[in-house]
Amino acid sequence: MSSLEHLPDVSSSQVIPRQANGQFRPGASGNPGGRPAALAEVRQLSRQHTALAVQTLAHIVEHGHSEMAQIAAANALLDRGWGRPTQPVSGDDDMPSVGIGFGTLNEAERDRLVAVLIEGLRQ
């Protein structure tokens, strides 16, 4: 059996015409069938359990058997409540890297904030 025999058959009706530069031609779509309906259904069913999921994460933060479980649950809650932190972006050699998050805090304020967060996780 050759390595090509296990690949799905691509009929001419599935080939999407492209321009010479690889872009889709005007009026053509790379996903003509649209997003599968099953994805929306799974998302809707999952969202029905949001309150329970948040309660479970909060319980693990407070009563988790390991510190790693508590940290993971705390991160999940913070990510959902406040969004994921922005990622640093490096500049080129002429520009410094772009700062994130703590830019308005001085070093002492930053250290105090970190200490408070760590103490909160230990309680």
PDB file of N, CA and C in Angstrom:
ATOM      1  N   MET A   1       0.857  -1.185   0.000  1.00  0.00           N
ATOM      2  CA  MET A   1       0.000   0.000   0.000  1.00  0.00           C
ATOM      3  C   MET A   1       0.895   1.238   0.000  1.00  0.00           C
ATOM      4  N   SER A   2       0.703   2.121  -0.947  1.00  0.00           N
ATOM      5  CA  SER A   2       1.528   3.327  -0.999  1.00  0.00           C
ATOM      6  C   SER A   2       1.037   4.338   0.029  1.00  0.00           C
ATOM      7  N   SER A   3       1.879   5.312   0.294  1.00  0.00           N
ATOM      8  CA  SER A   3       1.513   6.318   1.300  1.00  0.00           C
ATOM      9  C   SER A   3       0.371   7.204   0.837  1.00  0.00           C
ATOM     10  N   LEU A   4       0.084   7.222  -0.454  1.00  0.00           N
ATOM     11  CA  LEU A   4      -0.993   8.062  -0.966  1.00  0.00           C
ATOM     12  C   LEU A   4      -2.348   7.370  -0.918  1.00  0.00           C
ATOM     13  N   GLU A   5      -2.370   6.055  -0.749  1.00  0.00           N
ATOM     14  CA  GLU A   5      -3.630   5.325  -0.788  1.00  0.00           C
ATOM     15  C   GLU A   5      -4.538   5.629   0.402  1.00  0.00           C
ATOM     16  N   HIS A   6      -3.974   6.043   1.530  1.00  0.00           N
ATOM     17  CA  HIS A   6      -4.799   6.314   2.706  1.00  0.00           C
ATOM     18  C   HIS A   6      -5.338   7.744   2.753  1.00  0.00           C
ATOM     19  N   LEU A   7      -4.938   8.588   1.815  1.00  0.00           N
ATOM     20  CA  LEU A   7      -5.424   9.966   1.776  1.00  0.00           C
ATOM     21  C   LEU A   7      -6.827  10.014   1.192  1.00  0.00           C
ATOM     22  N   PRO A   8      -7.658  10.962   1.645  1.00  0.00           N
ATOM     23  CA  PRO A   8      -9.008  11.067   1.087  1.00  0.00           C
ATOM     24  C   PRO A   8      -8.963  11.469  -0.379  1.00  0.00           C
ATOM     25  N   ASP A   9      -9.967  11.033  -1.110  1.00  0.00           N
ATOM     26  CA  ASP A   9     -10.072  11.365  -2.528  1.00  0.00           C
ATOM     27  C   ASP A   9     -10.530  12.810  -2.662  1.00  0.00           C
ATOM     28  N   VAL A  10      -9.780  13.591  -3.398  1.00  0.00           N
ATOM     29  CA  VAL A  10     -10.132  14.989  -3.630  1.00  0.00           C
ATOM     30  C   VAL A  10     -10.693  15.085  -5.037  1.00  0.00           C
ATOM     31  N   SER A  11     -11.997  15.296  -5.117  1.00  0.00           N
ATOM     32  CA  SER A  11     -12.612  15.424  -6.441  1.00  0.00           C
ATOM     33  C   SER A  11     -12.476  16.860  -6.916  1.00  0.00           C
ATOM     34  N   SER A  12     -12.711  17.054  -8.188  1.00  0.00           N
ATOM     35  CA  SER A  12     -12.556  18.392  -8.754  1.00  0.00           C
ATOM     36  C   SER A  12     -13.547  19.381  -8.140  1.00  0.00           C
ATOM     37  N   SER A  13     -14.658  18.898  -7.591  1.00  0.00           N
ATOM     38  CA  SER A  13     -15.625  19.815  -6.985  1.00  0.00           C
ATOM     39  C   SER A  13     -15.117  20.359  -5.650  1.00  0.00           C
ATOM     40  N   GLN A  14     -14.102  19.697  -5.066  1.00  0.00           N
ATOM     41  CA  GLN A  14     -13.567  20.150  -3.787  1.00  0.00           C
ATOM     42  C   GLN A  14     -12.390  21.105  -3.949  1.00  0.00           C
ATOM     43  N   VAL A  15     -11.858  21.216  -5.150  1.00  0.00           N
ATOM     44  CA  VAL A  15     -10.715  22.078  -5.381  1.00  0.00           C
ATOM     45  C   VAL A  15     -11.195  23.516  -5.449  1.00  0.00           C
ATOM     46  N   ILE A  16     -10.614  24.370  -4.631  1.00  0.00           N
ATOM     47  CA  ILE A  16     -10.981  25.782  -4.587  1.00  0.00           C
ATOM     48  C   ILE A  16     -10.023  26.540  -5.515  1.00  0.00           C
ATOM     49  N   PRO A  17     -10.549  27.248  -6.504  1.00  0.00           N
ATOM     50  CA  PRO A  17      -9.659  27.970  -7.423  1.00  0.00           C
ATOM     51  C   PRO A  17      -8.935  29.105  -6.689  1.00  0.00           C
ATOM     52  N   ARG A  18      -7.660  29.202  -6.958  1.00  0.00           N
ATOM     53  CA  ARG A  18      -6.844  30.236  -6.331  1.00  0.00           C
ATOM     54  C   ARG A  18      -6.151  31.072  -7.394  1.00  0.00           C
ATOM     55  N   GLN A  19      -5.759  32.253  -6.980  1.00  0.00           N
ATOM     56  CA  GLN A  19      -4.989  33.117  -7.865  1.00  0.00           C
ATOM     57  C   GLN A  19      -3.538  32.636  -7.867  1.00  0.00           C
ATOM     58  N   ALA A  20      -2.733  33.204  -8.733  1.00  0.00           N
ATOM     59  CA  ALA A  20      -1.336  32.801  -8.846  1.00  0.00           C
ATOM     60  C   ALA A  20      -0.570  33.001  -7.537  1.00  0.00           C
ATOM     61  N   ASN A  21      -0.957  34.007  -6.743  1.00  0.00           N
ATOM     62  CA  ASN A  21      -0.265  34.265  -5.481  1.00  0.00           C
ATOM     63  C   ASN A  21      -0.783  33.399  -4.332  1.00  0.00           C
ATOM     64  N   GLY A  22      -1.728  32.489  -4.613  1.00  0.00           N
ATOM     65  CA  GLY A  22      -2.231  31.578  -3.594  1.00  0.00           C
ATOM     66  C   GLY A  22      -3.494  32.039  -2.906  1.00  0.00           C
ATOM     67  N   GLN A  23      -3.895  33.289  -3.096  1.00  0.00           N
ATOM     68  CA  GLN A  23      -5.114  33.782  -2.467  1.00  0.00           C
ATOM     69  C   GLN A  23      -6.329  33.218  -3.195  1.00  0.00           C
ATOM     70  N   PHE A  24      -7.451  33.168  -2.471  1.00  0.00           N
ATOM     71  CA  PHE A  24      -8.688  32.706  -3.099  1.00  0.00           C
ATOM     72  C   PHE A  24      -9.155  33.739  -4.116  1.00  0.00           C
ATOM     73  N   ARG A  25      -9.742  33.247  -5.184  1.00  0.00           N
ATOM     74  CA  ARG A  25     -10.291  34.154  -6.195  1.00  0.00           C
ATOM     75  C   ARG A  25     -11.505  34.878  -5.598  1.00  0.00           C
ATOM     76  N   PRO A  26     -11.832  36.067  -6.089  1.00  0.00           N
ATOM     77  CA  PRO A  26     -13.011  36.785  -5.583  1.00  0.00           C
ATOM     78  C   PRO A  26     -14.254  35.907  -5.693  1.00  0.00           C
ATOM     79  N   GLY A  27     -15.008  35.834  -4.626  1.00  0.00           N
ATOM     80  CA  GLY A  27     -16.229  35.033  -4.600  1.00  0.00           C
ATOM     81  C   GLY A  27     -16.013  33.592  -4.183  1.00  0.00           C
ATOM     82  N   ALA A  28     -14.771  33.157  -4.058  1.00  0.00           N
ATOM     83  CA  ALA A  28     -14.471  31.782  -3.642  1.00  0.00           C
ATOM     84  C   ALA A  28     -14.132  31.777  -2.151  1.00  0.00           C
ATOM     85  N   SER A  29     -14.430  30.676  -1.497  1.00  0.00           N
ATOM     86  CA  SER A  29     -14.175  30.560  -0.063  1.00  0.00           C
ATOM     87  C   SER A  29     -13.336  29.323   0.201  1.00  0.00           C
ATOM     88  N   GLY A  30     -12.456  29.413   1.180  1.00  0.00           N
ATOM     89  CA  GLY A  30     -11.684  28.252   1.595  1.00  0.00           C
ATOM     90  C   GLY A  30     -12.499  27.318   2.458  1.00  0.00           C
ATOM     91  N   ASN A  31     -13.646  27.782   2.912  1.00  0.00           N
ATOM     92  CA  ASN A  31     -14.529  26.970   3.743  1.00  0.00           C
ATOM     93  C   ASN A  31     -15.963  27.168   3.249  1.00  0.00           C
ATOM     94  N   PRO A  32     -16.283  26.632   2.065  1.00  0.00           N
ATOM     95  CA  PRO A  32     -17.590  26.913   1.471  1.00  0.00           C
ATOM     96  C   PRO A  32     -18.761  26.368   2.282  1.00  0.00           C
ATOM     97  N   GLY A  33     -18.540  25.346   3.067  1.00  0.00           N
ATOM     98  CA  GLY A  33     -19.622  24.775   3.875  1.00  0.00           C
ATOM     99  C   GLY A  33     -19.854  25.536   5.162  1.00  0.00           C
ATOM    100  N   GLY A  34     -18.969  26.451   5.508  1.00  0.00           N
ATOM    101  CA  GLY A  34     -19.098  27.198   6.749  1.00  0.00           C
ATOM    102  C   GLY A  34     -18.651  26.382   7.948  1.00  0.00           C
ATOM    103  N   ARG A  35     -18.779  26.946   9.101  1.00  0.00           N
ATOM    104  CA  ARG A  35     -18.397  26.288  10.339  1.00  0.00           C
ATOM    105  C   ARG A  35     -19.376  25.154  10.631  1.00  0.00           C
ATOM    106  N   PRO A  36     -18.888  23.980  11.052  1.00  0.00           N
ATOM    107  CA  PRO A  36     -19.802  22.880  11.345  1.00  0.00           C
ATOM    108  C   PRO A  36     -20.755  23.224  12.479  1.00  0.00           C
ATOM    109  N   ALA A  37     -22.015  22.841  12.344  1.00  0.00           N
ATOM    110  CA  ALA A  37     -23.029  23.152  13.351  1.00  0.00           C
ATOM    111  C   ALA A  37     -22.717  22.472  14.671  1.00  0.00           C
ATOM    112  N   ALA A  38     -22.042  21.341  14.634  1.00  0.00           N
ATOM    113  CA  ALA A  38     -21.735  20.615  15.866  1.00  0.00           C
ATOM    114  C   ALA A  38     -20.890  21.448  16.815  1.00  0.00           C
ATOM    115  N   LEU A  39     -19.987  22.284  16.288  1.00  0.00           N
ATOM    116  CA  LEU A  39     -19.159  23.115  17.157  1.00  0.00           C
ATOM    117  C   LEU A  39     -20.007  24.102  17.956  1.00  0.00           C
ATOM    118  N   ALA A  40     -20.976  24.715  17.321  1.00  0.00           N
ATOM    119  CA  ALA A  40     -21.847  25.661  18.012  1.00  0.00           C
ATOM    120  C   ALA A  40     -22.670  24.944  19.074  1.00  0.00           C
ATOM    121  N   GLU A  41     -23.095  23.727  18.775  1.00  0.00           N
ATOM    122  CA  GLU A  41     -23.889  22.966  19.738  1.00  0.00           C
ATOM    123  C   GLU A  41     -23.060  22.599  20.965  1.00  0.00           C
ATOM    124  N   VAL A  42     -21.821  22.178  20.754  1.00  0.00           N
ATOM    125  CA  VAL A  42     -20.938  21.845  21.875  1.00  0.00           C
ATOM    126  C   VAL A  42     -20.674  23.086  22.715  1.00  0.00           C
ATOM    127  N   ARG A  43     -20.430  24.225  22.052  1.00  0.00           N
ATOM    128  CA  ARG A  43     -20.185  25.468  22.782  1.00  0.00           C
ATOM    129  C   ARG A  43     -21.405  25.843  23.621  1.00  0.00           C
ATOM    130  N   GLN A  44     -22.590  25.724  23.043  1.00  0.00           N
ATOM    131  CA  GLN A  44     -23.814  26.076  23.758  1.00  0.00           C
ATOM    132  C   GLN A  44     -24.012  25.154  24.965  1.00  0.00           C
ATOM    133  N   LEU A  45     -23.826  23.856  24.780  1.00  0.00           N
ATOM    134  CA  LEU A  45     -23.978  22.917  25.893  1.00  0.00           C
ATOM    135  C   LEU A  45     -22.945  23.182  26.988  1.00  0.00           C
ATOM    136  N   SER A  46     -21.727  23.498  26.592  1.00  0.00           N
ATOM    137  CA  SER A  46     -20.674  23.782  27.565  1.00  0.00           C
ATOM    138  C   SER A  46     -20.984  25.035  28.369  1.00  0.00           C
ATOM    139  N   ARG A  47     -21.501  26.052  27.713  1.00  0.00           N
ATOM    140  CA  ARG A  47     -21.793  27.313  28.398  1.00  0.00           C
ATOM    141  C   ARG A  47     -22.898  27.165  29.436  1.00  0.00           C
ATOM    142  N   GLN A  48     -23.729  26.149  29.301  1.00  0.00           N
ATOM    143  CA  GLN A  48     -24.777  25.915  30.293  1.00  0.00           C
ATOM    144  C   GLN A  48     -24.184  25.510  31.639  1.00  0.00           C
ATOM    145  N   HIS A  49     -22.944  25.070  31.649  1.00  0.00           N
ATOM    146  CA  HIS A  49     -22.289  24.621  32.883  1.00  0.00           C
ATOM    147  C   HIS A  49     -21.278  25.632  33.415  1.00  0.00           C
ATOM    148  N   THR A  50     -21.336  26.855  32.926  1.00  0.00           N
ATOM    149  CA  THR A  50     -20.369  27.865  33.337  1.00  0.00           C
ATOM    150  C   THR A  50     -20.401  28.115  34.836  1.00  0.00           C
ATOM    151  N   ALA A  51     -21.571  28.315  35.406  1.00  0.00           N
ATOM    152  CA  ALA A  51     -21.670  28.613  36.835  1.00  0.00           C
ATOM    153  C   ALA A  51     -21.104  27.464  37.666  1.00  0.00           C
ATOM    154  N   LEU A  52     -21.432  26.230  37.301  1.00  0.00           N
ATOM    155  CA  LEU A  52     -20.920  25.077  38.028  1.00  0.00           C
ATOM    156  C   LEU A  52     -19.402  24.986  37.898  1.00  0.00           C
ATOM    157  N   ALA A  53     -18.880  25.257  36.704  1.00  0.00           N
ATOM    158  CA  ALA A  53     -17.435  25.198  36.492  1.00  0.00           C
ATOM    159  C   ALA A  53     -16.715  26.238  37.346  1.00  0.00           C
ATOM    160  N   VAL A  54     -17.250  27.441  37.413  1.00  0.00           N
ATOM    161  CA  VAL A  54     -16.635  28.492  38.230  1.00  0.00           C
ATOM    162  C   VAL A  54     -16.707  28.113  39.711  1.00  0.00           C
ATOM    163  N   GLN A  55     -17.834  27.576  40.148  1.00  0.00           N
ATOM    164  CA  GLN A  55     -17.956  27.136  41.542  1.00  0.00           C
ATOM    165  C   GLN A  55     -16.950  26.030  41.855  1.00  0.00           C
ATOM    166  N   THR A  56     -16.776  25.105  40.929  1.00  0.00           N
ATOM    167  CA  THR A  56     -15.822  24.012  41.129  1.00  0.00           C
ATOM    168  C   THR A  56     -14.399  24.550  41.207  1.00  0.00           C
ATOM    169  N   LEU A  57     -14.044  25.465  40.302  1.00  0.00           N
ATOM    170  CA  LEU A  57     -12.709  26.060  40.348  1.00  0.00           C
ATOM    171  C   LEU A  57     -12.486  26.811  41.656  1.00  0.00           C
ATOM    172  N   ALA A  58     -13.494  27.547  42.107  1.00  0.00           N
ATOM    173  CA  ALA A  58     -13.375  28.282  43.371  1.00  0.00           C
ATOM    174  C   ALA A  58     -13.198  27.315  44.536  1.00  0.00           C
ATOM    175  N   HIS A  59     -13.896  26.192  44.513  1.00  0.00           N
ATOM    176  CA  HIS A  59     -13.758  25.185  45.570  1.00  0.00           C
ATOM    177  C   HIS A  59     -12.333  24.616  45.583  1.00  0.00           C
ATOM    178  N   ILE A  60     -11.787  24.347  44.396  1.00  0.00           N
ATOM    179  CA  ILE A  60     -10.425  23.821  44.318  1.00  0.00           C
ATOM    180  C   ILE A  60      -9.422  24.856  44.813  1.00  0.00           C
ATOM    181  N   VAL A  61      -9.642  26.132  44.485  1.00  0.00           N
ATOM    182  CA  VAL A  61      -8.753  27.186  44.984  1.00  0.00           C
ATOM    183  C   VAL A  61      -8.740  27.177  46.509  1.00  0.00           C
ATOM    184  N   GLU A  62      -9.902  27.029  47.106  1.00  0.00           N
ATOM    185  CA  GLU A  62     -10.008  27.090  48.572  1.00  0.00           C
ATOM    186  C   GLU A  62      -9.630  25.785  49.260  1.00  0.00           C
ATOM    187  N   HIS A  63      -9.948  24.647  48.646  1.00  0.00           N
ATOM    188  CA  HIS A  63      -9.801  23.367  49.346  1.00  0.00           C
ATOM    189  C   HIS A  63      -8.998  22.335  48.566  1.00  0.00           C
ATOM    190  N   GLY A  64      -8.267  22.736  47.546  1.00  0.00           N
ATOM    191  CA  GLY A  64      -7.522  21.785  46.720  1.00  0.00           C
ATOM    192  C   GLY A  64      -6.515  20.990  47.531  1.00  0.00           C
ATOM    193  N   HIS A  65      -6.302  19.748  47.127  1.00  0.00           N
ATOM    194  CA  HIS A  65      -5.398  18.866  47.859  1.00  0.00           C
ATOM    195  C   HIS A  65      -3.935  19.193  47.612  1.00  0.00           C
ATOM    196  N   SER A  66      -3.636  19.875  46.528  1.00  0.00           N
ATOM    197  CA  SER A  66      -2.242  20.235  46.268  1.00  0.00           C
ATOM    198  C   SER A  66      -2.169  21.712  45.887  1.00  0.00           C
ATOM    199  N   GLU A  67      -1.001  22.269  46.127  1.00  0.00           N
ATOM    200  CA  GLU A  67      -0.790  23.665  45.773  1.00  0.00           C
ATOM    201  C   GLU A  67      -0.871  23.858  44.257  1.00  0.00           C
ATOM    202  N   MET A  68      -0.408  22.871  43.489  1.00  0.00           N
ATOM    203  CA  MET A  68      -0.467  22.970  42.028  1.00  0.00           C
ATOM    204  C   MET A  68      -1.917  23.032  41.540  1.00  0.00           C
ATOM    205  N   ALA A  69      -2.781  22.233  42.144  1.00  0.00           N
ATOM    206  CA  ALA A  69      -4.199  22.263  41.762  1.00  0.00           C
ATOM    207  C   ALA A  69      -4.803  23.619  42.110  1.00  0.00           C
ATOM    208  N   GLN A  70      -4.445  24.162  43.251  1.00  0.00           N
ATOM    209  CA  GLN A  70      -4.976  25.462  43.654  1.00  0.00           C
ATOM    210  C   GLN A  70      -4.497  26.562  42.711  1.00  0.00           C
ATOM    211  N   ILE A  71      -3.229  26.507  42.324  1.00  0.00           N
ATOM    212  CA  ILE A  71      -2.691  27.521  41.415  1.00  0.00           C
ATOM    213  C   ILE A  71      -3.349  27.411  40.043  1.00  0.00           C
ATOM    214  N   ALA A  72      -3.500  26.184  39.547  1.00  0.00           N
ATOM    215  CA  ALA A  72      -4.132  25.994  38.236  1.00  0.00           C
ATOM    216  C   ALA A  72      -5.572  26.512  38.250  1.00  0.00           C
ATOM    217  N   ALA A  73      -6.304  26.217  39.314  1.00  0.00           N
ATOM    218  CA  ALA A  73      -7.686  26.680  39.407  1.00  0.00           C
ATOM    219  C   ALA A  73      -7.743  28.204  39.528  1.00  0.00           C
ATOM    220  N   ALA A  74      -6.834  28.777  40.319  1.00  0.00           N
ATOM    221  CA  ALA A  74      -6.798  30.231  40.464  1.00  0.00           C
ATOM    222  C   ALA A  74      -6.494  30.892  39.121  1.00  0.00           C
ATOM    223  N   ASN A  75      -5.526  30.348  38.382  1.00  0.00           N
ATOM    224  CA  ASN A  75      -5.207  30.897  37.061  1.00  0.00           C
ATOM    225  C   ASN A  75      -6.393  30.802  36.124  1.00  0.00           C
ATOM    226  N   ALA A  76      -7.095  29.676  36.156  1.00  0.00           N
ATOM    227  CA  ALA A  76      -8.258  29.509  35.280  1.00  0.00           C
ATOM    228  C   ALA A  76      -9.329  30.547  35.620  1.00  0.00           C
ATOM    229  N   LEU A  77      -9.571  30.777  36.908  1.00  0.00           N
ATOM    230  CA  LEU A  77     -10.568  31.775  37.301  1.00  0.00           C
ATOM    231  C   LEU A  77     -10.146  33.177  36.865  1.00  0.00           C
ATOM    232  N   LEU A  78      -8.886  33.520  37.113  1.00  0.00           N
ATOM    233  CA  LEU A  78      -8.405  34.847  36.732  1.00  0.00           C
ATOM    234  C   LEU A  78      -8.452  35.046  35.219  1.00  0.00           C
ATOM    235  N   ASP A  79      -8.058  34.014  34.460  1.00  0.00           N
ATOM    236  CA  ASP A  79      -8.092  34.119  33.001  1.00  0.00           C
ATOM    237  C   ASP A  79      -9.502  34.369  32.503  1.00  0.00           C
ATOM    238  N   ARG A  80     -10.468  33.713  33.096  1.00  0.00           N
ATOM    239  CA  ARG A  80     -11.841  33.861  32.634  1.00  0.00           C
ATOM    240  C   ARG A  80     -12.468  35.161  33.125  1.00  0.00           C
ATOM    241  N   GLY A  81     -12.077  35.583  34.311  1.00  0.00           N
ATOM    242  CA  GLY A  81     -12.650  36.802  34.862  1.00  0.00           C
ATOM    243  C   GLY A  81     -12.011  38.078  34.338  1.00  0.00           C
ATOM    244  N   TRP A  82     -10.705  38.035  34.084  1.00  0.00           N
ATOM    245  CA  TRP A  82      -9.982  39.240  33.713  1.00  0.00           C
ATOM    246  C   TRP A  82      -9.279  39.127  32.371  1.00  0.00           C
ATOM    247  N   GLY A  83      -9.341  37.966  31.730  1.00  0.00           N
ATOM    248  CA  GLY A  83      -8.653  37.764  30.454  1.00  0.00           C
ATOM    249  C   GLY A  83      -7.220  37.328  30.679  1.00  0.00           C
ATOM    250  N   ARG A  84      -6.654  36.711  29.672  1.00  0.00           N
ATOM    251  CA  ARG A  84      -5.268  36.272  29.764  1.00  0.00           C
ATOM    252  C   ARG A  84      -4.366  37.495  29.721  1.00  0.00           C
ATOM    253  N   PRO A  85      -3.237  37.445  30.419  1.00  0.00           N
ATOM    254  CA  PRO A  85      -2.322  38.588  30.373  1.00  0.00           C
ATOM    255  C   PRO A  85      -1.753  38.770  28.970  1.00  0.00           C
ATOM    256  N   THR A  86      -1.452  39.995  28.643  1.00  0.00           N
ATOM    257  CA  THR A  86      -0.864  40.253  27.334  1.00  0.00           C
ATOM    258  C   THR A  86       0.533  39.669  27.287  1.00  0.00           C
ATOM    259  N   GLN A  87       0.964  39.292  26.111  1.00  0.00           N
ATOM    260  CA  GLN A  87       2.285  38.703  25.938  1.00  0.00           C
ATOM    261  C   GLN A  87       3.270  39.798  25.564  1.00  0.00           C
ATOM    262  N   PRO A  88       4.493  39.700  26.084  1.00  0.00           N
ATOM    263  CA  PRO A  88       5.484  40.712  25.719  1.00  0.00           C
ATOM    264  C   PRO A  88       5.840  40.604  24.242  1.00  0.00           C
ATOM    265  N   VAL A  89       6.102  41.747  23.659  1.00  0.00           N
ATOM    266  CA  VAL A  89       6.492  41.794  22.254  1.00  0.00           C
ATOM    267  C   VAL A  89       7.880  42.412  22.212  1.00  0.00           C
ATOM    268  N   SER A  90       8.807  41.705  21.620  1.00  0.00           N
ATOM    269  CA  SER A  90      10.171  42.226  21.530  1.00  0.00           C
ATOM    270  C   SER A  90      10.275  43.192  20.374  1.00  0.00           C
ATOM    271  N   GLY A  91      10.979  44.274  20.612  1.00  0.00           N
ATOM    272  CA  GLY A  91      11.231  45.222  19.537  1.00  0.00           C
ATOM    273  C   GLY A  91      12.466  44.783  18.762  1.00  0.00           C
ATOM    274  N   ASP A  92      12.810  45.541  17.770  1.00  0.00           N
ATOM    275  CA  ASP A  92      14.042  45.231  17.050  1.00  0.00           C
ATOM    276  C   ASP A  92      15.216  45.797  17.840  1.00  0.00           C
ATOM    277  N   ASP A  93      16.401  45.755  17.271  1.00  0.00           N
ATOM    278  CA  ASP A  93      17.596  46.214  17.989  1.00  0.00           C
ATOM    279  C   ASP A  93      17.529  47.690  18.366  1.00  0.00           C
ATOM    280  N   ASP A  94      16.780  48.470  17.587  1.00  0.00           N
ATOM    281  CA  ASP A  94      16.688  49.909  17.852  1.00  0.00           C
ATOM    282  C   ASP A  94      15.605  50.256  18.863  1.00  0.00           C
ATOM    283  N   MET A  95      14.698  49.321  19.137  1.00  0.00           N
ATOM    284  CA  MET A  95      13.571  49.595  20.023  1.00  0.00           C
ATOM    285  C   MET A  95      13.605  48.642  21.212  1.00  0.00           C
ATOM    286  N   PRO A  96      13.297  49.112  22.407  1.00  0.00           N
ATOM    287  CA  PRO A  96      13.242  48.217  23.557  1.00  0.00           C
ATOM    288  C   PRO A  96      12.000  47.335  23.482  1.00  0.00           C
ATOM    289  N   SER A  97      11.978  46.267  24.277  1.00  0.00           N
ATOM    290  CA  SER A  97      10.796  45.416  24.299  1.00  0.00           C
ATOM    291  C   SER A  97       9.632  46.180  24.901  1.00  0.00           C
ATOM    292  N   VAL A  98       8.447  45.813  24.525  1.00  0.00           N
ATOM    293  CA  VAL A  98       7.239  46.471  24.992  1.00  0.00           C
ATOM    294  C   VAL A  98       6.897  45.915  26.362  1.00  0.00           C
ATOM    295  N   GLY A  99       6.691  46.778  27.346  1.00  0.00           N
ATOM    296  CA  GLY A  99       6.373  46.343  28.702  1.00  0.00           C
ATOM    297  C   GLY A  99       4.954  45.815  28.808  1.00  0.00           C
ATOM    298  N   ILE A 100       4.698  45.026  29.845  1.00  0.00           N
ATOM    299  CA  ILE A 100       3.353  44.497  30.063  1.00  0.00           C
ATOM    300  C   ILE A 100       2.938  44.704  31.500  1.00  0.00           C
ATOM    301  N   GLY A 101       1.663  44.826  31.714  1.00  0.00           N
ATOM    302  CA  GLY A 101       1.017  44.725  33.013  1.00  0.00           C
ATOM    303  C   GLY A 101       1.418  45.685  34.092  1.00  0.00           C
ATOM    304  N   PHE A 102       2.615  45.533  34.648  1.00  0.00           N
ATOM    305  CA  PHE A 102       2.993  46.256  35.849  1.00  0.00           C
ATOM    306  C   PHE A 102       3.668  47.589  35.561  1.00  0.00           C
ATOM    307  N   GLY A 103       3.504  48.129  34.371  1.00  0.00           N
ATOM    308  CA  GLY A 103       4.216  49.332  33.968  1.00  0.00           C
ATOM    309  C   GLY A 103       4.008  50.528  34.873  1.00  0.00           C
ATOM    310  N   THR A 104       2.843  50.663  35.529  1.00  0.00           N
ATOM    311  CA  THR A 104       2.583  51.841  36.339  1.00  0.00           C
ATOM    312  C   THR A 104       2.974  51.645  37.799  1.00  0.00           C
ATOM    313  N   LEU A 105       3.417  50.443  38.165  1.00  0.00           N
ATOM    314  CA  LEU A 105       3.816  50.185  39.547  1.00  0.00           C
ATOM    315  C   LEU A 105       5.323  50.336  39.683  1.00  0.00           C
ATOM    316  N   ASN A 106       5.741  50.902  40.821  1.00  0.00           N
ATOM    317  CA  ASN A 106       7.181  50.916  41.063  1.00  0.00           C
ATOM    318  C   ASN A 106       7.590  49.563  41.647  1.00  0.00           C
ATOM    319  N   GLU A 107       8.867  49.356  41.839  1.00  0.00           N
ATOM    320  CA  GLU A 107       9.367  48.044  42.268  1.00  0.00           C
ATOM    321  C   GLU A 107       8.793  47.612  43.615  1.00  0.00           C
ATOM    322  N   ALA A 108       8.683  48.516  44.556  1.00  0.00           N
ATOM    323  CA  ALA A 108       8.148  48.178  45.878  1.00  0.00           C
ATOM    324  C   ALA A 108       6.673  47.788  45.782  1.00  0.00           C
ATOM    325  N   GLU A 109       5.902  48.521  44.975  1.00  0.00           N
ATOM    326  CA  GLU A 109       4.483  48.194  44.793  1.00  0.00           C
ATOM    327  C   GLU A 109       4.313  46.834  44.120  1.00  0.00           C
ATOM    328  N   ARG A 110       5.167  46.556  43.147  1.00  0.00           N
ATOM    329  CA  ARG A 110       5.128  45.267  42.452  1.00  0.00           C
ATOM    330  C   ARG A 110       5.418  44.125  43.424  1.00  0.00           C
ATOM    331  N   ASP A 111       6.465  44.295  44.240  1.00  0.00           N
ATOM    332  CA  ASP A 111       6.828  43.257  45.207  1.00  0.00           C
ATOM    333  C   ASP A 111       5.702  43.025  46.209  1.00  0.00           C
ATOM    334  N   ARG A 112       5.064  44.100  46.664  1.00  0.00           N
ATOM    335  CA  ARG A 112       3.960  43.979  47.618  1.00  0.00           C
ATOM    336  C   ARG A 112       2.778  43.248  46.979  1.00  0.00           C
ATOM    337  N   LEU A 113       2.463  43.573  45.730  1.00  0.00           N
ATOM    338  CA  LEU A 113       1.363  42.918  45.032  1.00  0.00           C
ATOM    339  C   LEU A 113       1.626  41.422  44.879  1.00  0.00           C
ATOM    340  N   VAL A 114       2.828  41.067  44.504  1.00  0.00           N
ATOM    341  CA  VAL A 114       3.182  39.653  44.357  1.00  0.00           C
ATOM    342  C   VAL A 114       3.080  38.947  45.705  1.00  0.00           C
ATOM    343  N   ALA A 115       3.544  39.579  46.775  1.00  0.00           N
ATOM    344  CA  ALA A 115       3.475  38.978  48.104  1.00  0.00           C
ATOM    345  C   ALA A 115       2.028  38.746  48.534  1.00  0.00           C
ATOM    346  N   VAL A 116       1.158  39.702  48.264  1.00  0.00           N
ATOM    347  CA  VAL A 116      -0.259  39.567  48.609  1.00  0.00           C
ATOM    348  C   VAL A 116      -0.891  38.425  47.819  1.00  0.00           C
ATOM    349  N   LEU A 117      -0.577  38.328  46.527  1.00  0.00           N
ATOM    350  CA  LEU A 117      -1.126  37.248  45.700  1.00  0.00           C
ATOM    351  C   LEU A 117      -0.654  35.878  46.185  1.00  0.00           C
ATOM    352  N   ILE A 118       0.622  35.768  46.515  1.00  0.00           N
ATOM    353  CA  ILE A 118       1.154  34.486  47.010  1.00  0.00           C
ATOM    354  C   ILE A 118       0.530  34.129  48.341  1.00  0.00           C
ATOM    355  N   GLU A 119       0.381  35.089  49.226  1.00  0.00           N
ATOM    356  CA  GLU A 119      -0.236  34.823  50.529  1.00  0.00           C
ATOM    357  C   GLU A 119      -1.686  34.397  50.358  1.00  0.00           C
ATOM    358  N   GLY A 120      -2.384  35.024  49.432  1.00  0.00           N
ATOM    359  CA  GLY A 120      -3.775  34.636  49.167  1.00  0.00           C
ATOM    360  C   GLY A 120      -3.897  33.203  48.674  1.00  0.00           C
ATOM    361  N   LEU A 121      -2.941  32.752  47.891  1.00  0.00           N
ATOM    362  CA  LEU A 121      -2.954  31.374  47.403  1.00  0.00           C
ATOM    363  C   LEU A 121      -2.656  30.372  48.518  1.00  0.00           C
ATOM    364  N   ARG A 122      -1.879  30.777  49.486  1.00  0.00           N
ATOM    365  CA  ARG A 122      -1.509  29.869  50.584  1.00  0.00           C
ATOM    366  C   ARG A 122      -2.610  29.710  51.609  1.00  0.00           C
ATOM    367  N   GLN A 123      -3.537  30.622  51.679  1.00  0.00           N
ATOM    368  CA  GLN A 123      -4.597  30.564  52.692  1.00  0.00           C
ATOM    369  C   GLN A 123      -5.630  29.543  52.356  1.00  0.00           C
TER     370      GLN A 123
END
